Amino acid sequence: MSPDEPKLHLIKNERYLEGQVKDIKAQLEQQKVINADYAYRIDLLESYLQVLVERMPGLTQAERDFGPEFGPRVIRL
């Protein structure tokens, strides 16, 4: 075993770990993009839902704000 072999081994390990760190950082950035996309989609769906609720005829303000279980048309068994 030459005296330089342990140093070469350490250099290889360091390069491997640097590659792993780069991969993890890239994955995190990709996940941020995915999360932002999901957040945008959720906001869009909430907007669509709000428009649908506002356009539904015959709903009281309480039903619009809190759902049909708070309106006058609750059927009690």
N, C-alpha and C. Protein backbone atom coordinates (compact mmCIF):
# COMPACT_ATOMS: atom_id res chain seq x y z
N MET A 1 0.85 -1.17 0.00
CA MET A 1 0.00 0.00 0.00
C MET A 1 0.90 1.23 0.00
N SER A 2 0.68 2.07 -0.97
CA SER A 2 1.49 3.28 -1.05
C SER A 2 0.97 4.32 -0.07
N PRO A 3 1.81 5.27 0.31
CA PRO A 3 1.37 6.29 1.27
C PRO A 3 0.26 7.19 0.71
N ASP A 4 0.10 7.23 -0.61
CA ASP A 4 -0.93 8.10 -1.20
C ASP A 4 -2.30 7.43 -1.29
N GLU A 5 -2.37 6.12 -1.09
CA GLU A 5 -3.65 5.41 -1.23
C GLU A 5 -4.71 5.89 -0.23
N PRO A 6 -4.40 6.08 1.05
CA PRO A 6 -5.44 6.59 1.96
C PRO A 6 -5.95 7.98 1.53
N LYS A 7 -5.05 8.82 1.03
CA LYS A 7 -5.46 10.15 0.58
C LYS A 7 -6.41 10.04 -0.62
N LEU A 8 -6.07 9.13 -1.55
CA LEU A 8 -6.93 8.93 -2.72
C LEU A 8 -8.31 8.43 -2.30
N HIS A 9 -8.32 7.54 -1.32
CA HIS A 9 -9.60 7.02 -0.82
C HIS A 9 -10.44 8.15 -0.22
N LEU A 10 -9.80 9.02 0.55
CA LEU A 10 -10.52 10.16 1.15
C LEU A 10 -11.03 11.11 0.08
N ILE A 11 -10.23 11.34 -0.94
CA ILE A 11 -10.64 12.23 -2.03
C ILE A 11 -11.85 11.63 -2.76
N LYS A 12 -11.82 10.32 -3.01
CA LYS A 12 -12.96 9.67 -3.66
C LYS A 12 -14.21 9.77 -2.81
N ASN A 13 -14.07 9.56 -1.50
CA ASN A 13 -15.21 9.68 -0.60
C ASN A 13 -15.75 11.10 -0.59
N GLU A 14 -14.86 12.07 -0.57
CA GLU A 14 -15.29 13.46 -0.56
C GLU A 14 -16.05 13.81 -1.84
N ARG A 15 -15.55 13.36 -2.97
CA ARG A 15 -16.24 13.61 -4.25
C ARG A 15 -17.60 12.92 -4.29
N TYR A 16 -17.64 11.71 -3.76
CA TYR A 16 -18.91 10.97 -3.72
C TYR A 16 -19.92 11.73 -2.86
N LEU A 17 -19.48 12.19 -1.68
CA LEU A 17 -20.38 12.92 -0.79
C LEU A 17 -20.81 14.26 -1.41
N GLU A 18 -19.91 14.93 -2.10
CA GLU A 18 -20.28 16.17 -2.78
C GLU A 18 -21.35 15.90 -3.83
N GLY A 19 -21.22 14.79 -4.55
CA GLY A 19 -22.23 14.40 -5.53
C GLY A 19 -23.57 14.11 -4.87
N GLN A 20 -23.52 13.46 -3.73
CA GLN A 20 -24.75 13.17 -2.99
C GLN A 20 -25.43 14.46 -2.54
N VAL A 21 -24.65 15.40 -2.05
CA VAL A 21 -25.20 16.68 -1.60
C VAL A 21 -25.86 17.41 -2.77
N LYS A 22 -25.20 17.42 -3.94
CA LYS A 22 -25.77 18.06 -5.12
C LYS A 22 -27.08 17.40 -5.52
N ASP A 23 -27.12 16.07 -5.48
CA ASP A 23 -28.35 15.34 -5.82
C ASP A 23 -29.48 15.69 -4.86
N ILE A 24 -29.17 15.74 -3.58
CA ILE A 24 -30.19 16.05 -2.58
C ILE A 24 -30.70 17.49 -2.76
N LYS A 25 -29.80 18.41 -3.04
CA LYS A 25 -30.21 19.79 -3.27
C LYS A 25 -31.11 19.89 -4.50
N ALA A 26 -30.78 19.14 -5.55
CA ALA A 26 -31.60 19.15 -6.76
C ALA A 26 -32.99 18.56 -6.46
N GLN A 27 -33.03 17.51 -5.66
CA GLN A 27 -34.32 16.91 -5.30
C GLN A 27 -35.16 17.88 -4.48
N LEU A 28 -34.51 18.61 -3.57
CA LEU A 28 -35.24 19.58 -2.76
C LEU A 28 -35.81 20.71 -3.63
N GLU A 29 -35.04 21.18 -4.58
CA GLU A 29 -35.53 22.22 -5.48
C GLU A 29 -36.71 21.72 -6.30
N GLN A 30 -36.61 20.48 -6.77
CA GLN A 30 -37.70 19.89 -7.54
C GLN A 30 -38.95 19.77 -6.66
N GLN A 31 -38.78 19.38 -5.42
CA GLN A 31 -39.91 19.24 -4.51
C GLN A 31 -40.55 20.59 -4.23
N LYS A 32 -39.74 21.65 -4.14
CA LYS A 32 -40.28 22.99 -3.94
C LYS A 32 -41.17 23.37 -5.12
N VAL A 33 -40.74 23.04 -6.32
CA VAL A 33 -41.54 23.34 -7.52
C VAL A 33 -42.85 22.56 -7.49
N ILE A 34 -42.77 21.29 -7.12
CA ILE A 34 -43.98 20.46 -7.05
C ILE A 34 -44.93 21.01 -5.99
N ASN A 35 -44.40 21.37 -4.82
CA ASN A 35 -45.23 21.92 -3.75
C ASN A 35 -45.88 23.23 -4.18
N ALA A 36 -45.14 24.08 -4.87
CA ALA A 36 -45.70 25.35 -5.34
C ALA A 36 -46.81 25.08 -6.35
N ASP A 37 -46.62 24.09 -7.20
CA ASP A 37 -47.65 23.73 -8.18
C ASP A 37 -48.91 23.24 -7.48
N TYR A 38 -48.75 22.39 -6.47
CA TYR A 38 -49.91 21.91 -5.72
C TYR A 38 -50.61 23.05 -5.00
N ALA A 39 -49.86 23.96 -4.42
CA ALA A 39 -50.46 25.10 -3.73
C ALA A 39 -51.27 25.95 -4.71
N TYR A 40 -50.72 26.15 -5.91
CA TYR A 40 -51.43 26.91 -6.94
C TYR A 40 -52.73 26.19 -7.33
N ARG A 41 -52.64 24.88 -7.51
CA ARG A 41 -53.84 24.12 -7.89
C ARG A 41 -54.91 24.16 -6.80
N ILE A 42 -54.49 24.08 -5.56
CA ILE A 42 -55.45 24.14 -4.45
C ILE A 42 -56.12 25.51 -4.42
N ASP A 43 -55.34 26.58 -4.58
CA ASP A 43 -55.92 27.92 -4.63
C ASP A 43 -56.91 28.05 -5.76
N LEU A 44 -56.56 27.50 -6.92
CA LEU A 44 -57.43 27.57 -8.08
C LEU A 44 -58.73 26.81 -7.82
N LEU A 45 -58.64 25.63 -7.25
CA LEU A 45 -59.84 24.86 -6.94
C LEU A 45 -60.72 25.56 -5.90
N GLU A 46 -60.09 26.18 -4.92
CA GLU A 46 -60.87 26.92 -3.92
C GLU A 46 -61.58 28.10 -4.57
N SER A 47 -60.93 28.76 -5.51
CA SER A 47 -61.57 29.87 -6.23
C SER A 47 -62.77 29.38 -7.03
N TYR A 48 -62.58 28.26 -7.75
CA TYR A 48 -63.69 27.70 -8.52
C TYR A 48 -64.85 27.31 -7.61
N LEU A 49 -64.54 26.69 -6.49
CA LEU A 49 -65.57 26.30 -5.55
C LEU A 49 -66.33 27.52 -5.03
N GLN A 50 -65.60 28.57 -4.71
CA GLN A 50 -66.24 29.79 -4.21
C GLN A 50 -67.20 30.37 -5.25
N VAL A 51 -66.78 30.37 -6.51
CA VAL A 51 -67.64 30.88 -7.58
C VAL A 51 -68.89 30.01 -7.72
N LEU A 52 -68.71 28.70 -7.66
CA LEU A 52 -69.86 27.79 -7.76
C LEU A 52 -70.85 28.01 -6.63
N VAL A 53 -70.33 28.17 -5.42
CA VAL A 53 -71.20 28.37 -4.27
C VAL A 53 -71.95 29.70 -4.40
N GLU A 54 -71.26 30.73 -4.85
CA GLU A 54 -71.90 32.03 -5.00
C GLU A 54 -73.00 32.01 -6.06
N ARG A 55 -72.85 31.14 -7.05
CA ARG A 55 -73.82 31.09 -8.14
C ARG A 55 -74.97 30.12 -7.87
N MET A 56 -74.89 29.35 -6.82
CA MET A 56 -75.96 28.39 -6.52
C MET A 56 -77.19 29.14 -6.04
N PRO A 57 -78.31 28.94 -6.70
CA PRO A 57 -79.52 29.66 -6.29
C PRO A 57 -80.10 29.11 -4.99
N GLY A 58 -80.72 29.97 -4.24
CA GLY A 58 -81.45 29.55 -3.06
C GLY A 58 -80.63 29.31 -1.81
N LEU A 59 -79.35 29.60 -1.82
CA LEU A 59 -78.56 29.41 -0.61
C LEU A 59 -78.65 30.65 0.27
N THR A 60 -78.74 30.41 1.56
CA THR A 60 -78.68 31.54 2.49
C THR A 60 -77.22 31.93 2.69
N GLN A 61 -76.99 33.07 3.30
CA GLN A 61 -75.63 33.50 3.55
C GLN A 61 -74.90 32.52 4.47
N ALA A 62 -75.62 31.99 5.46
CA ALA A 62 -75.01 31.02 6.38
C ALA A 62 -74.58 29.77 5.62
N GLU A 63 -75.42 29.31 4.69
CA GLU A 63 -75.05 28.14 3.90
C GLU A 63 -73.85 28.42 3.03
N ARG A 64 -73.78 29.62 2.48
CA ARG A 64 -72.63 29.98 1.65
C ARG A 64 -71.35 30.03 2.49
N ASP A 65 -71.47 30.59 3.68
CA ASP A 65 -70.29 30.78 4.53
C ASP A 65 -69.83 29.48 5.21
N PHE A 66 -70.77 28.68 5.68
CA PHE A 66 -70.40 27.56 6.54
C PHE A 66 -70.82 26.19 6.03
N GLY A 67 -71.60 26.15 4.98
CA GLY A 67 -72.05 24.87 4.46
C GLY A 67 -73.53 24.65 4.72
N PRO A 68 -74.13 23.71 4.01
CA PRO A 68 -75.57 23.52 4.08
C PRO A 68 -76.08 23.07 5.45
N GLU A 69 -75.23 22.48 6.26
CA GLU A 69 -75.70 22.03 7.58
C GLU A 69 -76.08 23.18 8.51
N PHE A 70 -75.72 24.41 8.14
CA PHE A 70 -76.05 25.57 8.97
C PHE A 70 -77.25 26.34 8.42
N GLY A 71 -77.82 25.85 7.35
CA GLY A 71 -78.94 26.56 6.73
C GLY A 71 -80.28 26.05 7.22
N PRO A 72 -81.37 26.64 6.72
CA PRO A 72 -82.71 26.29 7.20
C PRO A 72 -83.20 24.95 6.67
N ARG A 73 -82.53 24.37 5.69
CA ARG A 73 -83.03 23.15 5.08
C ARG A 73 -82.46 21.89 5.73
N VAL A 74 -82.01 21.99 6.96
CA VAL A 74 -81.48 20.82 7.65
C VAL A 74 -82.65 19.90 8.00
N ILE A 75 -82.52 18.64 7.63
CA ILE A 75 -83.56 17.66 7.94
C ILE A 75 -83.13 16.92 9.19
N ARG A 76 -83.95 17.01 10.20
CA ARG A 76 -83.63 16.33 11.46
C ARG A 76 -84.44 15.03 11.53
N LEU A 77 -83.77 13.96 11.93
CA LEU A 77 -84.46 12.67 12.04
C LEU A 77 -84.94 12.43 13.44
